[in-house]
Protein backbone atom coordinates (compact mmCIF):
# COMPACT_ATOMS: atom_id res chain seq x y z
CA UNK A 1 45.29 -48.43 -75.76
CA UNK A 2 44.92 -51.69 -75.66
CA UNK A 3 42.31 -53.14 -78.71
CA UNK A 4 38.94 -53.60 -77.30
CA UNK A 5 37.47 -56.95 -78.17
CA UNK A 6 33.44 -56.71 -77.43
CA UNK A 7 32.30 -58.45 -74.83
CA UNK A 8 29.52 -58.97 -72.55
CA UNK A 9 25.87 -56.99 -72.08
CA UNK A 10 27.24 -54.39 -73.91
CA UNK A 11 28.03 -56.60 -76.91
CA UNK A 12 28.16 -54.89 -80.77
CA UNK A 13 27.28 -50.98 -79.36
CA UNK A 14 29.73 -48.79 -80.94
CA UNK A 15 30.93 -45.48 -78.81
CA UNK A 16 32.94 -42.54 -79.85
CA UNK A 17 34.97 -40.74 -76.89
CA UNK A 18 35.88 -37.12 -77.05
CA UNK A 19 35.80 -35.96 -73.88
CA UNK A 20 39.54 -34.73 -72.27
CA UNK A 21 39.30 -34.47 -68.24
CA UNK A 22 37.76 -36.86 -66.68
CA UNK A 23 34.41 -37.65 -65.75
CA UNK A 24 33.71 -38.71 -70.07
CA UNK A 25 37.07 -41.21 -69.77
CA UNK A 26 35.34 -42.49 -66.58
CA UNK A 27 31.89 -43.46 -68.45
CA UNK A 28 33.06 -44.64 -71.40
CA UNK A 29 35.52 -46.88 -69.35
CA UNK A 30 32.84 -48.47 -67.32
CA UNK A 31 31.19 -49.15 -70.49
CA UNK A 32 33.71 -50.75 -71.99
CA UNK A 33 33.93 -52.58 -69.38
CA UNK A 34 31.02 -54.17 -70.30
CA UNK A 35 31.45 -54.44 -73.63
CA UNK A 36 31.23 -51.72 -75.41
CA UNK A 37 33.02 -50.66 -78.15
CA UNK A 38 35.00 -47.66 -76.92
CA UNK A 39 36.81 -45.36 -79.53
CA UNK A 40 38.97 -42.61 -77.89
CA UNK A 41 39.37 -39.68 -80.09
CA UNK A 42 41.92 -37.49 -78.90
CA UNK A 43 42.78 -33.73 -80.03
CA UNK A 44 45.30 -34.19 -83.26
CA UNK A 45 46.94 -30.62 -82.55
CA UNK A 46 47.61 -30.76 -78.67
CA UNK A 47 50.28 -32.30 -77.32
CA UNK A 48 49.11 -32.60 -73.16
CA UNK A 49 45.38 -32.61 -72.59
CA UNK A 50 44.45 -31.81 -69.35
CA UNK A 51 44.74 -35.73 -67.85
CA UNK A 52 48.08 -35.85 -68.29
CA UNK A 53 48.32 -32.53 -66.30
CA UNK A 54 47.21 -34.96 -63.30
CA UNK A 55 50.56 -36.30 -62.52
CA UNK A 56 53.66 -33.96 -63.60
CA UNK A 57 56.54 -35.49 -65.44
CA UNK A 58 58.45 -34.08 -62.20
CA UNK A 59 56.65 -36.86 -60.21
CA UNK A 60 57.55 -40.13 -62.16
CA UNK A 61 60.31 -41.91 -61.77
CA UNK A 62 63.02 -42.84 -63.69
CA UNK A 63 61.73 -46.29 -63.96
CA UNK A 64 58.00 -45.27 -64.71
CA UNK A 65 59.19 -43.27 -68.04
CA UNK A 66 61.23 -46.10 -69.46
CA UNK A 67 57.68 -47.88 -69.27
CA UNK A 68 55.64 -44.62 -71.47
CA UNK A 69 53.76 -44.18 -67.84
CA UNK A 70 50.65 -42.01 -68.33
CA UNK A 71 47.63 -41.27 -66.34
CA UNK A 72 45.82 -42.66 -69.81
CA UNK A 73 46.75 -46.78 -68.85
CA UNK A 74 44.23 -46.49 -66.18
CA UNK A 75 41.67 -44.05 -67.25
CA UNK A 76 41.31 -45.40 -71.17
CA UNK A 77 42.20 -48.39 -70.86
CA UNK A 78 40.14 -51.10 -72.69
CA UNK A 79 39.67 -48.37 -75.78
CA UNK A 80 40.60 -47.52 -78.54
CA UNK A 81 42.07 -44.68 -80.01
CA UNK A 82 42.66 -42.43 -83.08
CA UNK A 83 43.52 -39.00 -83.27
CA UNK A 84 40.89 -36.28 -85.66
CA UNK A 85 41.60 -32.61 -85.66
CA UNK A 86 37.98 -31.76 -85.67
CA UNK A 87 38.82 -27.77 -86.46
CA UNK A 88 39.25 -28.97 -90.28
CA UNK A 89 36.70 -30.49 -92.87
CA UNK A 90 38.38 -33.38 -93.73
CA UNK A 91 38.52 -34.39 -89.82
CA UNK A 92 34.91 -33.66 -89.76
CA UNK A 93 34.28 -35.60 -92.99
CA UNK A 94 35.91 -39.17 -91.62
CA UNK A 95 33.98 -38.27 -88.15
CA UNK A 96 30.50 -38.32 -89.84
CA UNK A 97 31.70 -41.78 -91.10
CA UNK A 98 31.95 -42.99 -87.87
CA UNK A 99 28.80 -41.04 -86.21
CA UNK A 100 27.07 -43.27 -89.40
CA UNK A 101 27.55 -46.49 -87.49
CA UNK A 102 27.93 -45.92 -83.75
CA UNK A 103 25.49 -45.89 -81.22
CA UNK A 104 26.75 -42.96 -79.06
CA UNK A 105 28.86 -39.74 -78.46
CA UNK A 106 30.51 -38.20 -75.48
CA UNK A 107 31.57 -34.91 -75.74
CA UNK A 108 32.65 -32.94 -72.75
CA UNK A 109 32.51 -29.62 -75.29
CA UNK A 110 30.28 -26.41 -73.93
CA UNK A 111 27.27 -25.78 -75.80
CA UNK A 112 29.32 -23.26 -78.13
CA UNK A 113 32.13 -25.00 -78.20
CA UNK A 114 30.24 -28.45 -80.01
CA UNK A 115 27.93 -25.96 -82.49
CA UNK A 116 31.23 -24.29 -83.49
CA UNK A 117 33.24 -27.56 -83.99
CA UNK A 118 29.63 -28.78 -86.03
CA UNK A 119 29.19 -31.71 -83.95
CA UNK A 120 26.40 -30.36 -82.86
CA UNK A 121 23.22 -32.92 -81.20
CA UNK A 122 21.26 -31.63 -84.24
CA UNK A 123 23.80 -31.75 -86.88
CA UNK A 124 24.94 -35.14 -85.52
CA UNK A 125 21.13 -36.64 -85.16
CA UNK A 126 20.45 -35.75 -88.81
CA UNK A 127 23.19 -38.03 -90.28
CA UNK A 128 22.53 -40.68 -87.43
CA UNK A 129 18.58 -40.18 -86.06
CA UNK A 130 19.32 -43.20 -83.54
CA UNK A 131 22.11 -41.71 -82.57
CA UNK A 132 22.61 -41.23 -78.40
CA UNK A 133 24.43 -38.07 -77.83
CA UNK A 134 26.12 -37.59 -74.01
CA UNK A 135 27.19 -34.41 -73.10
CA UNK A 136 28.93 -34.24 -70.11
CA UNK A 137 29.26 -30.73 -68.74
CA UNK A 138 29.67 -28.78 -65.40
CA UNK A 139 26.92 -26.79 -65.67
CA UNK A 140 24.86 -28.38 -68.23
CA UNK A 141 23.53 -26.82 -71.53
CA UNK A 142 21.25 -24.32 -70.72
CA UNK A 143 21.09 -21.39 -67.90
CA UNK A 144 22.94 -18.79 -67.24
CA UNK A 145 26.84 -21.10 -66.32
CA UNK A 146 26.32 -22.69 -69.17
CA UNK A 147 28.98 -21.35 -71.06
CA UNK A 148 31.09 -21.64 -67.76
CA UNK A 149 34.04 -23.71 -67.47
CA UNK A 150 34.73 -25.74 -64.86
CA UNK A 151 36.40 -28.28 -62.73
CA UNK A 152 34.99 -30.59 -60.09
CA UNK A 153 36.84 -28.61 -57.05
CA UNK A 154 34.65 -25.41 -58.14
CA UNK A 155 31.51 -27.61 -58.99
CA UNK A 156 31.42 -29.08 -55.43
CA UNK A 157 32.09 -25.69 -53.98
CA UNK A 158 29.67 -24.52 -55.73
CA UNK A 159 26.71 -27.00 -54.72
CA UNK A 160 27.44 -26.77 -51.37
CA UNK A 161 29.67 -30.05 -50.45
CA UNK A 162 32.83 -28.14 -50.19
CA UNK A 163 31.07 -26.22 -47.45
CA UNK A 164 30.34 -29.19 -45.23
CA UNK A 165 33.11 -31.13 -45.94
CA UNK A 166 36.65 -30.22 -43.31
CA UNK A 167 37.25 -30.07 -39.58
CA UNK A 168 35.34 -29.24 -36.36
CA UNK A 169 37.37 -25.23 -36.53
CA UNK A 170 35.89 -24.47 -39.82
CA UNK A 171 38.70 -25.57 -42.30
CA UNK A 172 37.39 -26.72 -45.65
CA UNK A 173 39.26 -29.80 -47.05
CA UNK A 174 38.87 -31.02 -51.11
CA UNK A 175 37.23 -34.63 -50.72
CA UNK A 176 40.54 -37.23 -51.98
CA UNK A 177 38.39 -38.59 -54.55
CA UNK A 178 36.72 -36.03 -57.41
CA UNK A 179 32.98 -36.51 -57.01
CA UNK A 180 31.57 -34.19 -59.24
CA UNK A 181 34.05 -35.57 -62.00
CA UNK A 182 33.61 -39.18 -61.50
CA UNK A 183 30.20 -39.64 -59.39
CA UNK A 184 28.17 -36.55 -60.70
CA UNK A 185 29.21 -36.92 -63.71
CA UNK A 186 30.71 -40.06 -64.95
CA UNK A 187 28.63 -42.09 -63.19
CA UNK A 188 25.70 -40.49 -64.13
CA UNK A 189 26.50 -40.18 -68.13
CA UNK A 190 26.81 -44.04 -67.87
CA UNK A 191 23.26 -44.30 -66.31
CA UNK A 192 21.63 -42.04 -68.60
CA UNK A 193 23.43 -43.65 -71.76
CA UNK A 194 22.02 -47.01 -70.43
CA UNK A 195 18.72 -45.55 -70.16
CA UNK A 196 19.44 -44.01 -73.52
CA UNK A 197 19.70 -47.60 -74.92
CA UNK A 198 16.75 -49.09 -73.47
CA UNK A 199 14.70 -46.78 -74.45
CA UNK A 200 15.82 -47.02 -78.36
CA UNK A 201 14.84 -50.25 -77.86
CA UNK A 202 11.83 -49.62 -77.33
CA UNK A 203 11.06 -46.64 -79.33
CA UNK A 204 14.09 -47.10 -81.90
CA UNK A 205 14.57 -43.15 -81.74
CA UNK A 206 17.73 -41.29 -80.07
CA UNK A 207 17.99 -39.00 -77.85
CA UNK A 208 20.15 -36.06 -76.01
CA UNK A 209 21.47 -36.90 -72.24
CA UNK A 210 22.13 -33.91 -70.69
CA UNK A 211 24.45 -34.45 -67.37
CA UNK A 212 25.27 -31.57 -65.32
CA UNK A 213 27.98 -32.21 -62.78
CA UNK A 214 26.42 -29.03 -60.72
CA UNK A 215 23.14 -31.28 -60.49
CA UNK A 216 24.52 -34.48 -59.56
CA UNK A 217 27.09 -32.72 -56.52
CA UNK A 218 23.47 -31.25 -55.37
CA UNK A 219 21.70 -34.55 -55.88
CA UNK A 220 23.56 -36.12 -53.47
CA UNK A 221 24.17 -33.23 -51.38
CA UNK A 222 20.11 -34.03 -50.35
CA UNK A 223 20.40 -37.40 -50.56
CA UNK A 224 22.79 -37.13 -47.55
CA UNK A 225 22.28 -33.83 -46.11
CA UNK A 226 18.65 -32.94 -47.46
CA UNK A 227 17.50 -35.03 -44.85
CA UNK A 228 18.85 -33.11 -41.69
CA UNK A 229 18.40 -29.92 -42.65
CA UNK A 230 14.91 -30.09 -43.76
CA UNK A 231 14.03 -31.19 -40.51
CA UNK A 232 16.19 -28.70 -38.11
CA UNK A 233 18.10 -25.67 -40.73
CA UNK A 234 21.29 -27.44 -40.20
CA UNK A 235 23.74 -29.14 -41.84
CA UNK A 236 26.33 -30.78 -39.74
CA UNK A 237 29.56 -30.46 -41.51
CA UNK A 238 31.62 -34.08 -42.46
CA UNK A 239 34.06 -35.36 -40.08
CA UNK A 240 32.60 -34.03 -37.30
CA UNK A 241 32.54 -36.32 -34.19
CA UNK A 242 31.27 -39.23 -33.06
CA UNK A 243 32.14 -40.06 -36.64
CA UNK A 244 35.41 -39.41 -37.16
CA UNK A 245 39.47 -40.47 -37.27
CA UNK A 246 40.98 -40.39 -34.84
CA UNK A 247 45.09 -40.52 -33.97
CA UNK A 248 45.76 -43.61 -31.09
CA UNK A 249 48.79 -43.67 -28.99
CA UNK A 250 50.72 -45.57 -31.05
CA UNK A 251 50.64 -42.96 -33.94
CA UNK A 252 48.55 -44.64 -35.62
CA UNK A 253 44.56 -43.93 -37.03
CA UNK A 254 41.12 -45.12 -36.04
CA UNK A 255 38.50 -44.27 -38.40
CA UNK A 256 34.58 -44.84 -36.71
CA UNK A 257 31.84 -44.84 -38.80
CA UNK A 258 28.98 -45.07 -37.08
CA UNK A 259 26.23 -42.12 -36.31
CA UNK A 260 23.55 -43.80 -34.34
CA UNK A 261 24.32 -43.96 -30.23
CA UNK A 262 24.31 -47.86 -29.72
CA UNK A 263 27.68 -48.39 -31.98
CA UNK A 264 28.62 -45.68 -30.28
CA UNK A 265 28.45 -46.49 -26.86
CA UNK A 266 29.24 -50.37 -28.00
CA UNK A 267 33.05 -48.73 -29.10
CA UNK A 268 33.37 -46.42 -25.85
CA UNK A 269 32.40 -49.63 -23.47
CA UNK A 270 35.56 -51.71 -25.55
CA UNK A 271 37.72 -48.93 -25.83
CA UNK A 272 36.48 -48.75 -21.44
CA UNK A 273 35.80 -45.00 -22.54
CA UNK A 274 32.36 -45.12 -21.23
CA UNK A 275 32.41 -41.41 -20.29
CA UNK A 276 32.28 -40.16 -23.49
CA UNK A 277 29.24 -42.60 -23.72
CA UNK A 278 26.58 -39.26 -23.46
CA UNK A 279 26.09 -39.03 -27.22
CA UNK A 280 24.87 -35.31 -27.53
CA UNK A 281 28.26 -34.62 -25.38
CA UNK A 282 31.10 -35.23 -28.03
C-alpha cells in the first residue's frame, strides 16, 4: 500500500479502516481519493483475508506473482497500513491511541464481535466524543439477523434483487458486480460518513453510522421496480425484452437498453424489422 498524501476536499480527515471484505475498503478508497488519510489496520494473526480469496493464486500467472499482485492493489491503494492483533491488550492500547486523534472508524464486524474486541462505539466514543463510527454489516445492528454473517449474494437474494435478475426462462443470474457490497454497503457508507462529518461541523458531536447492506439493496430495488409493482402488482425480471442483449448473425452481441416504445420503433426501422414494432408483443 502506498503512503497517502492528504489532498482534496477531505484533507486533514483521518480514518481508521478495520474492514476486511469489499464494502468497507471500497468506502474508504473513495474517501482516500477525496483526500482523507486512511490507515488500513490488518489483522496480525491471519495470513489471508476475504479479499485475497477473490482471485485464487492458481489463476495468477508467473509474471503476476513476480510483480507481487494482490487484490489489495485495487481496493487499498492510496492508504497507509499497519497490523494489529486486537485480541491483545497491547494492540488495543495502540488502537485506542490512534482513535484519540482520528475522525472516523470503519468496521465490518457484527455487533457481538465489536463488543467482544472492545472496539464498539460506546467504548470508543468515551475516548473521542467527536468520533464518527461507521459499521457496515449485512443486516444492520438490530433485528433477528443482526449477528448473521452474509456476503453479497446472500444479501441480494434476501432483498429480492436476485429474484428479478435473470433470463426469461426463469434462470437466476448473479450480477457481474457485487451490488450489495459496493452500492448497498460501500457507497452508502461513504455518504453516511460525509453526512456525519458535516453534522459534526455544526454540532461538534460524533455519531454512529449504521449501514445495513440489506437496507441498501432493498432501497435500490424499490427505486427501480417499486414503480411497476406498486401499480400492477407485478415485477419484471431484468434482462427480458425489449431491453436485452441480442446475439447477431456474425456471432457478436448487441445490447439494447430502451424500454420506451419509440426507441424500440426506431431500432426496428433501422434494422428493417418493422414487423417487430408492436411493443406489447415483444
